[in-house]
């Protein structure tokens, strides 16, 4: 009878240790995703595309460009 109780207690300790490890893994994953989400929100907007023609400089070239 004591063997059955001892086996049950041993199994309980093993199961609770496994549960503690699983919870620690989940917390680590959640923290990693949270830190990655913070990094994504801090990113800058993409740069504008380059113009197809250069801008004219000076009054002599101030006329509008016809497309």
PDB file of N, CA and C in Angstrom:
ATOM      1  N   UNK A   1       0.820  -1.195   0.000  1.00  0.00           N
ATOM      2  CA  UNK A   1       0.000   0.000   0.000  1.00  0.00           C
ATOM      3  C   UNK A   1       0.869   1.266   0.000  1.00  0.00           C
ATOM      4  N   UNK A   2       1.938   1.257   0.772  1.00  0.00           N
ATOM      5  CA  UNK A   2       2.815   2.421   0.798  1.00  0.00           C
ATOM      6  C   UNK A   2       3.503   2.623  -0.543  1.00  0.00           C
ATOM      7  N   UNK A   3       3.736   1.540  -1.272  1.00  0.00           N
ATOM      8  CA  UNK A   3       4.348   1.669  -2.594  1.00  0.00           C
ATOM      9  C   UNK A   3       3.451   2.457  -3.537  1.00  0.00           C
ATOM     10  N   UNK A   4       2.159   2.223  -3.453  1.00  0.00           N
ATOM     11  CA  UNK A   4       1.212   2.938  -4.316  1.00  0.00           C
ATOM     12  C   UNK A   4       1.204   4.424  -3.959  1.00  0.00           C
ATOM     13  N   UNK A   5       1.204   4.725  -2.675  1.00  0.00           N
ATOM     14  CA  UNK A   5       1.208   6.126  -2.242  1.00  0.00           C
ATOM     15  C   UNK A   5       2.514   6.805  -2.656  1.00  0.00           C
ATOM     16  N   UNK A   6       3.630   6.105  -2.464  1.00  0.00           N
ATOM     17  CA  UNK A   6       4.926   6.656  -2.844  1.00  0.00           C
ATOM     18  C   UNK A   6       4.979   6.915  -4.349  1.00  0.00           C
ATOM     19  N   UNK A   7       4.465   5.972  -5.145  1.00  0.00           N
ATOM     20  CA  UNK A   7       4.456   6.142  -6.600  1.00  0.00           C
ATOM     21  C   UNK A   7       3.577   7.323  -7.002  1.00  0.00           C
ATOM     22  N   UNK A   8       2.428   7.484  -6.346  1.00  0.00           N
ATOM     23  CA  UNK A   8       1.529   8.594  -6.660  1.00  0.00           C
ATOM     24  C   UNK A   8       2.181   9.935  -6.311  1.00  0.00           C
ATOM     25  N   UNK A   9       2.852   9.999  -5.167  1.00  0.00           N
ATOM     26  CA  UNK A   9       3.528  11.242  -4.786  1.00  0.00           C
ATOM     27  C   UNK A   9       4.665  11.576  -5.750  1.00  0.00           C
ATOM     28  N   UNK A  10       5.403  10.564  -6.164  1.00  0.00           N
ATOM     29  CA  UNK A  10       6.489  10.776  -7.120  1.00  0.00           C
ATOM     30  C   UNK A  10       5.942  11.284  -8.446  1.00  0.00           C
ATOM     31  N   UNK A  11       4.856  10.672  -8.913  1.00  0.00           N
ATOM     32  CA  UNK A  11       4.243  11.109 -10.167  1.00  0.00           C
ATOM     33  C   UNK A  11       3.735  12.541 -10.055  1.00  0.00           C
ATOM     34  N   UNK A  12       3.150  12.878  -8.910  1.00  0.00           N
ATOM     35  CA  UNK A  12       2.664  14.246  -8.703  1.00  0.00           C
ATOM     36  C   UNK A  12       3.819  15.241  -8.761  1.00  0.00           C
ATOM     37  N   UNK A  13       4.948  14.929  -8.121  1.00  0.00           N
ATOM     38  CA  UNK A  13       6.101  15.830  -8.149  1.00  0.00           C
ATOM     39  C   UNK A  13       6.630  16.000  -9.568  1.00  0.00           C
ATOM     40  N   UNK A  14       6.691  14.901 -10.316  1.00  0.00           N
ATOM     41  CA  UNK A  14       7.158  14.987 -11.699  1.00  0.00           C
ATOM     42  C   UNK A  14       6.206  15.826 -12.549  1.00  0.00           C
ATOM     43  N   UNK A  15       4.902  15.607 -12.366  1.00  0.00           N
ATOM     44  CA  UNK A  15       3.915  16.364 -13.139  1.00  0.00           C
ATOM     45  C   UNK A  15       3.953  17.850 -12.788  1.00  0.00           C
ATOM     46  N   UNK A  16       4.085  18.165 -11.497  1.00  0.00           N
ATOM     47  CA  UNK A  16       4.097  19.582 -11.123  1.00  0.00           C
ATOM     48  C   UNK A  16       5.386  20.256 -11.595  1.00  0.00           C
ATOM     49  N   UNK A  17       6.502  19.528 -11.610  1.00  0.00           N
ATOM     50  CA  UNK A  17       7.749  20.102 -12.133  1.00  0.00           C
ATOM     51  C   UNK A  17       7.627  20.359 -13.630  1.00  0.00           C
ATOM     52  N   UNK A  18       7.006  19.432 -14.357  1.00  0.00           N
ATOM     53  CA  UNK A  18       6.795  19.622 -15.798  1.00  0.00           C
ATOM     54  C   UNK A  18       5.866  20.807 -16.050  1.00  0.00           C
ATOM     55  N   UNK A  19       4.834  20.934 -15.229  1.00  0.00           N
ATOM     56  CA  UNK A  19       3.915  22.061 -15.364  1.00  0.00           C
ATOM     57  C   UNK A  19       4.640  23.385 -15.119  1.00  0.00           C
ATOM     58  N   UNK A  20       5.501  23.428 -14.118  1.00  0.00           N
ATOM     59  CA  UNK A  20       6.271  24.650 -13.852  1.00  0.00           C
ATOM     60  C   UNK A  20       7.167  25.009 -15.035  1.00  0.00           C
ATOM     61  N   UNK A  21       7.801  24.013 -15.647  1.00  0.00           N
ATOM     62  CA  UNK A  21       8.646  24.283 -16.818  1.00  0.00           C
ATOM     63  C   UNK A  21       7.807  24.778 -17.993  1.00  0.00           C
ATOM     64  N   UNK A  22       6.634  24.178 -18.196  1.00  0.00           N
ATOM     65  CA  UNK A  22       5.762  24.617 -19.288  1.00  0.00           C
ATOM     66  C   UNK A  22       5.313  26.064 -19.090  1.00  0.00           C
ATOM     67  N   UNK A  23       4.967  26.405 -17.871  1.00  0.00           N
ATOM     68  CA  UNK A  23       4.536  27.777 -17.588  1.00  0.00           C
ATOM     69  C   UNK A  23       5.689  28.750 -17.821  1.00  0.00           C
ATOM     70  N   UNK A  24       6.895  28.367 -17.411  1.00  0.00           N
ATOM     71  CA  UNK A  24       8.059  29.237 -17.627  1.00  0.00           C
ATOM     72  C   UNK A  24       8.315  29.434 -19.117  1.00  0.00           C
ATOM     73  N   UNK A  25       8.140  28.385 -19.915  1.00  0.00           N
ATOM     74  CA  UNK A  25       8.312  28.520 -21.372  1.00  0.00           C
ATOM     75  C   UNK A  25       7.281  29.469 -21.954  1.00  0.00           C
ATOM     76  N   UNK A  26       6.039  29.320 -21.525  1.00  0.00           N
ATOM     77  CA  UNK A  26       4.976  30.187 -22.048  1.00  0.00           C
ATOM     78  C   UNK A  26       5.217  31.647 -21.679  1.00  0.00           C
ATOM     79  N   UNK A  27       5.684  31.881 -20.467  1.00  0.00           N
ATOM     80  CA  UNK A  27       5.992  33.253 -20.046  1.00  0.00           C
ATOM     81  C   UNK A  27       7.123  33.824 -20.894  1.00  0.00           C
ATOM     82  N   UNK A  28       8.149  33.016 -21.163  1.00  0.00           N
ATOM     83  CA  UNK A  28       9.270  33.487 -21.984  1.00  0.00           C
ATOM     84  C   UNK A  28       8.805  33.810 -23.400  1.00  0.00           C
ATOM     85  N   UNK A  29       7.947  32.972 -23.963  1.00  0.00           N
ATOM     86  CA  UNK A  29       7.430  33.220 -25.314  1.00  0.00           C
ATOM     87  C   UNK A  29       6.590  34.490 -25.331  1.00  0.00           C
ATOM     88  N   UNK A  30       5.732  34.651 -24.320  1.00  0.00           N
ATOM     89  CA  UNK A  30       4.886  35.845 -24.258  1.00  0.00           C
ATOM     90  C   UNK A  30       5.737  37.103 -24.134  1.00  0.00           C
ATOM     91  N   UNK A  31       6.776  37.059 -23.305  1.00  0.00           N
ATOM     92  CA  UNK A  31       7.652  38.223 -23.149  1.00  0.00           C
ATOM     93  C   UNK A  31       8.394  38.532 -24.438  1.00  0.00           C
ATOM     94  N   UNK A  32       8.836  37.485 -25.147  1.00  0.00           N
ATOM     95  CA  UNK A  32       9.550  37.710 -26.406  1.00  0.00           C
ATOM     96  C   UNK A  32       8.630  38.351 -27.436  1.00  0.00           C
ATOM     97  N   UNK A  33       7.394  37.859 -27.553  1.00  0.00           N
ATOM     98  CA  UNK A  33       6.452  38.450 -28.499  1.00  0.00           C
ATOM     99  C   UNK A  33       6.123  39.890 -28.111  1.00  0.00           C
ATOM    100  N   UNK A  34       6.014  40.162 -26.828  1.00  0.00           N
ATOM    101  CA  UNK A  34       5.719  41.523 -26.386  1.00  0.00           C
ATOM    102  C   UNK A  34       6.868  42.464 -26.731  1.00  0.00           C
ATOM    103  N   UNK A  35       8.103  42.011 -26.559  1.00  0.00           N
ATOM    104  CA  UNK A  35       9.236  42.877 -26.894  1.00  0.00           C
ATOM    105  C   UNK A  35       9.346  43.075 -28.398  1.00  0.00           C
ATOM    106  N   UNK A  36       9.018  42.054 -29.195  1.00  0.00           N
ATOM    107  CA  UNK A  36       9.032  42.212 -30.650  1.00  0.00           C
ATOM    108  C   UNK A  36       7.938  43.167 -31.096  1.00  0.00           C
ATOM    109  N   UNK A  37       6.786  43.138 -30.446  1.00  0.00           N
ATOM    110  CA  UNK A  37       5.701  44.050 -30.800  1.00  0.00           C
ATOM    111  C   UNK A  37       6.111  45.490 -30.504  1.00  0.00           C
ATOM    112  N   UNK A  38       6.837  45.709 -29.412  1.00  0.00           N
ATOM    113  CA  UNK A  38       7.328  47.053 -29.108  1.00  0.00           C
ATOM    114  C   UNK A  38       8.306  47.519 -30.175  1.00  0.00           C
ATOM    115  N   UNK A  39       9.161  46.626 -30.652  1.00  0.00           N
ATOM    116  CA  UNK A  39      10.126  46.985 -31.689  1.00  0.00           C
ATOM    117  C   UNK A  39       9.420  47.361 -32.989  1.00  0.00           C
ATOM    118  N   UNK A  40       8.350  46.661 -33.333  1.00  0.00           N
ATOM    119  CA  UNK A  40       7.621  46.939 -34.571  1.00  0.00           C
ATOM    120  C   UNK A  40       6.973  48.318 -34.497  1.00  0.00           C
ATOM    121  N   UNK A  41       6.416  48.682 -33.348  1.00  0.00           N
ATOM    122  CA  UNK A  41       5.755  49.977 -33.239  1.00  0.00           C
ATOM    123  C   UNK A  41       6.757  51.131 -33.265  1.00  0.00           C
ATOM    124  N   UNK A  42       8.018  50.870 -32.967  1.00  0.00           N
ATOM    125  CA  UNK A  42       9.027  51.928 -32.955  1.00  0.00           C
ATOM    126  C   UNK A  42       9.687  52.121 -34.316  1.00  0.00           C
ATOM    127  N   UNK A  43       9.356  51.297 -35.286  1.00  0.00           N
ATOM    128  CA  UNK A  43       9.979  51.425 -36.607  1.00  0.00           C
ATOM    129  C   UNK A  43       9.517  52.700 -37.298  1.00  0.00           C
ATOM    130  N   UNK A  44      10.359  53.210 -38.181  1.00  0.00           N
ATOM    131  CA  UNK A  44      10.044  54.432 -38.905  1.00  0.00           C
ATOM    132  C   UNK A  44       9.283  54.107 -40.183  1.00  0.00           C
ATOM    133  N   UNK A  45       8.611  55.114 -40.718  1.00  0.00           N
ATOM    134  CA  UNK A  45       7.893  54.954 -41.981  1.00  0.00           C
ATOM    135  C   UNK A  45       8.904  54.782 -43.114  1.00  0.00           C
ATOM    136  N   UNK A  46       8.537  54.070 -44.176  1.00  0.00           N
ATOM    137  CA  UNK A  46       9.479  53.890 -45.292  1.00  0.00           C
ATOM    138  C   UNK A  46       9.753  55.218 -46.002  1.00  0.00           C
ATOM    139  N   UNK A  47      10.912  55.327 -46.604  1.00  0.00           N
ATOM    140  CA  UNK A  47      11.298  56.546 -47.316  1.00  0.00           C
ATOM    141  C   UNK A  47      10.436  56.718 -48.563  1.00  0.00           C
ATOM    142  N   UNK A  48      10.265  57.964 -48.974  1.00  0.00           N
ATOM    143  CA  UNK A  48       9.482  58.238 -50.182  1.00  0.00           C
ATOM    144  C   UNK A  48      10.237  57.774 -51.416  1.00  0.00           C
ATOM    145  N   UNK A  49       9.499  57.447 -52.452  1.00  0.00           N
ATOM    146  CA  UNK A  49      10.119  57.036 -53.715  1.00  0.00           C
ATOM    147  C   UNK A  49      10.790  58.240 -54.374  1.00  0.00           C
ATOM    148  N   UNK A  50      11.841  57.989 -55.116  1.00  0.00           N
ATOM    149  CA  UNK A  50      12.561  59.063 -55.801  1.00  0.00           C
ATOM    150  C   UNK A  50      11.695  59.643 -56.915  1.00  0.00           C
ATOM    151  N   UNK A  51      11.874  60.929 -57.194  1.00  0.00           N
ATOM    152  CA  UNK A  51      11.114  61.567 -58.274  1.00  0.00           C
ATOM    153  C   UNK A  51      11.639  61.092 -59.622  1.00  0.00           C
ATOM    154  N   UNK A  52      10.758  61.156 -60.637  1.00  0.00           N
ATOM    155  CA  UNK A  52      11.158  60.691 -61.960  1.00  0.00           C
ATOM    156  C   UNK A  52      11.990  61.733 -62.702  1.00  0.00           C
ATOM    157  N   UNK A  53      11.858  63.002 -62.360  1.00  0.00           N
ATOM    158  CA  UNK A  53      12.674  64.037 -62.995  1.00  0.00           C
ATOM    159  C   UNK A  53      13.219  64.958 -61.896  1.00  0.00           C
ATOM    160  N   UNK A  54      14.347  65.610 -62.154  1.00  0.00           N
ATOM    161  CA  UNK A  54      14.905  66.502 -61.137  1.00  0.00           C
ATOM    162  C   UNK A  54      14.090  67.785 -61.044  1.00  0.00           C
ATOM    163  N   UNK A  55      14.062  68.383 -59.884  1.00  0.00           N
ATOM    164  CA  UNK A  55      13.359  69.649 -59.701  1.00  0.00           C
ATOM    165  C   UNK A  55      14.181  70.786 -60.306  1.00  0.00           C
ATOM    166  N   UNK A  56      13.529  71.703 -61.006  1.00  0.00           N
ATOM    167  CA  UNK A  56      14.270  72.850 -61.546  1.00  0.00           C
ATOM    168  C   UNK A  56      14.670  73.803 -60.426  1.00  0.00           C
ATOM    169  N   UNK A  57      15.818  74.451 -60.595  1.00  0.00           N
ATOM    170  CA  UNK A  57      16.327  75.377 -59.590  1.00  0.00           C
ATOM    171  C   UNK A  57      16.431  76.757 -60.224  1.00  0.00           C
ATOM    172  N   UNK A  58      15.953  77.774 -59.548  1.00  0.00           N
ATOM    173  CA  UNK A  58      16.065  79.151 -60.010  1.00  0.00           C
ATOM    174  C   UNK A  58      14.802  79.622 -60.718  1.00  0.00           C
ATOM    175  N   UNK A  59      14.727  80.959 -60.972  1.00  0.00           N
ATOM    176  CA  UNK A  59      13.542  81.544 -61.584  1.00  0.00           C
ATOM    177  C   UNK A  59      13.433  81.224 -63.061  1.00  0.00           C
ATOM    178  N   UNK A  60      14.525  81.025 -63.751  1.00  0.00           N
ATOM    179  CA  UNK A  60      14.476  80.750 -65.184  1.00  0.00           C
ATOM    180  C   UNK A  60      13.776  79.416 -65.464  1.00  0.00           C
ATOM    181  N   UNK A  61      13.812  78.537 -64.533  1.00  0.00           N
ATOM    182  CA  UNK A  61      13.202  77.214 -64.733  1.00  0.00           C
ATOM    183  C   UNK A  61      11.933  77.047 -63.906  1.00  0.00           C
ATOM    184  N   UNK A  62      11.295  78.149 -63.506  1.00  0.00           N
ATOM    185  CA  UNK A  62      10.155  78.085 -62.607  1.00  0.00           C
ATOM    186  C   UNK A  62       8.846  77.751 -63.309  1.00  0.00           C
ATOM    187  N   UNK A  63       8.857  77.536 -64.633  1.00  0.00           N
ATOM    188  CA  UNK A  63       7.623  77.211 -65.345  1.00  0.00           C
ATOM    189  C   UNK A  63       7.168  75.802 -64.962  1.00  0.00           C
ATOM    190  N   UNK A  64       5.867  75.569 -64.945  1.00  0.00           N
ATOM    191  CA  UNK A  64       5.378  74.228 -64.581  1.00  0.00           C
ATOM    192  C   UNK A  64       5.792  73.188 -65.622  1.00  0.00           C
ATOM    193  N   UNK A  65       6.009  72.024 -65.183  1.00  0.00           N
ATOM    194  CA  UNK A  65       6.414  70.932 -66.068  1.00  0.00           C
ATOM    195  C   UNK A  65       5.157  70.280 -66.623  1.00  0.00           C
ATOM    196  N   UNK A  66       5.074  70.173 -67.957  1.00  0.00           N
ATOM    197  CA  UNK A  66       3.919  69.538 -68.591  1.00  0.00           C
ATOM    198  C   UNK A  66       4.179  68.041 -68.719  1.00  0.00           C
ATOM    199  N   UNK A  67       3.178  67.265 -68.394  1.00  0.00           N
ATOM    200  CA  UNK A  67       3.355  65.816 -68.485  1.00  0.00           C
ATOM    201  C   UNK A  67       2.887  65.288 -69.814  1.00  0.00           C
TER     202      UNK A  67
END
